[in-house]
Amino acid sequence: MIISEHALGRMSSKGISEEEVKKCVYEGVLKTRNVVNGEMRQVTELQMKDKTLVTIHTFDGLERRVITVYLLARKRWQR
């Protein structure tokens, strides 16, 4: 698995580890898949104890390349 410079920057700024990214890519729920410029792109989401992680990565059958990583905001509803 290759992680782009953009994704590494996002990981660093948001406190996301490489292990969390790997877990999301390989074990996360596939949200969407489409072809962009001849590459298969996949979006996966993984709910963790304290955060929800999303990765966008390409997949060519042999190798995955993580393009970006981000956290979904969880809203706490108050009465």
Protein backbone atom coordinates (compact mmCIF):
# COMPACT_ATOMS: atom_id res chain seq x y z
CA MET A 1 0.00 0.00 0.00
CA ILE A 2 1.30 3.42 -0.99
CA ILE A 3 0.22 6.54 0.90
CA SER A 4 0.33 9.83 -1.02
CA GLU A 5 2.01 12.95 0.34
CA HIS A 6 -1.41 14.58 0.61
CA ALA A 7 -2.75 11.71 2.71
CA LEU A 8 0.38 11.72 4.92
CA GLY A 9 -0.13 15.42 5.57
CA ARG A 10 -3.77 14.85 6.51
CA MET A 11 -2.82 11.95 8.77
CA SER A 12 -0.23 14.08 10.55
CA SER A 13 -2.54 17.06 11.05
CA LYS A 14 -5.47 14.95 12.28
CA GLY A 15 -3.58 12.44 14.43
CA ILE A 16 -4.41 9.42 12.25
CA SER A 17 -1.98 6.50 12.34
CA GLU A 18 -0.86 4.37 9.41
CA GLU A 19 -2.35 1.32 11.13
CA GLU A 20 -5.75 3.04 11.29
CA VAL A 21 -5.52 3.85 7.58
CA LYS A 22 -4.60 0.25 6.71
CA LYS A 23 -7.49 -1.04 8.80
CA CYS A 24 -9.90 1.33 7.04
CA VAL A 25 -8.63 0.42 3.55
CA TYR A 26 -8.71 -3.35 4.09
CA GLU A 27 -11.51 -3.80 6.65
CA GLY A 28 -13.69 -0.71 6.21
CA VAL A 29 -17.12 -0.64 4.64
CA LEU A 30 -17.01 0.07 0.90
CA LYS A 31 -19.13 3.19 0.36
CA THR A 32 -18.60 3.78 -3.33
CA ARG A 33 -16.51 2.61 -6.25
CA ASN A 34 -16.05 4.34 -9.60
CA VAL A 35 -13.56 4.80 -12.39
CA VAL A 36 -11.78 8.15 -12.61
CA ASN A 37 -9.24 8.75 -15.39
CA GLY A 38 -8.93 5.02 -15.97
CA GLU A 39 -8.30 4.19 -12.30
CA MET A 40 -10.67 2.35 -10.00
CA ARG A 41 -11.33 4.57 -6.97
CA GLN A 42 -12.86 3.29 -3.79
CA VAL A 43 -14.16 5.08 -0.72
CA THR A 44 -14.11 3.12 2.51
CA GLU A 45 -15.38 4.08 5.93
CA LEU A 46 -14.47 2.60 9.29
CA GLN A 47 -16.21 3.46 12.54
CA MET A 48 -13.83 3.31 15.46
CA LYS A 49 -14.44 3.81 19.14
CA ASP A 50 -13.93 7.56 19.12
CA LYS A 51 -13.92 8.52 15.42
CA THR A 52 -15.08 7.60 11.94
CA LEU A 53 -12.30 7.37 9.38
CA VAL A 54 -12.76 7.64 5.61
CA THR A 55 -10.18 6.81 2.95
CA ILE A 56 -10.21 7.42 -0.77
CA HIS A 57 -7.84 5.11 -2.58
CA THR A 58 -7.14 3.63 -5.99
CA PHE A 59 -7.04 -0.08 -6.57
CA ASP A 60 -5.53 -1.76 -9.61
CA GLY A 61 -5.86 -5.37 -8.48
CA LEU A 62 -2.32 -5.56 -7.19
CA GLU A 63 -1.71 -2.40 -5.23
CA ARG A 64 -3.68 0.23 -3.38
CA ARG A 65 -2.70 3.90 -3.30
CA VAL A 66 -4.29 6.06 -0.63
CA ILE A 67 -5.15 9.46 -2.09
CA THR A 68 -6.63 11.12 0.99
CA VAL A 69 -7.85 10.40 4.48
CA TYR A 70 -10.30 12.31 6.62
CA LEU A 71 -12.40 12.08 9.76
CA LEU A 72 -16.17 12.40 9.74
CA ALA A 73 -17.51 14.75 12.37
CA ARG A 74 -19.80 13.13 14.90
CA LYS A 75 -22.51 15.38 16.21
CA ARG A 76 -23.73 15.03 19.74
CA TRP A 77 -27.39 15.84 20.03
CA GLN A 78 -28.46 17.57 23.20
CA ARG A 79 -31.94 18.04 24.58
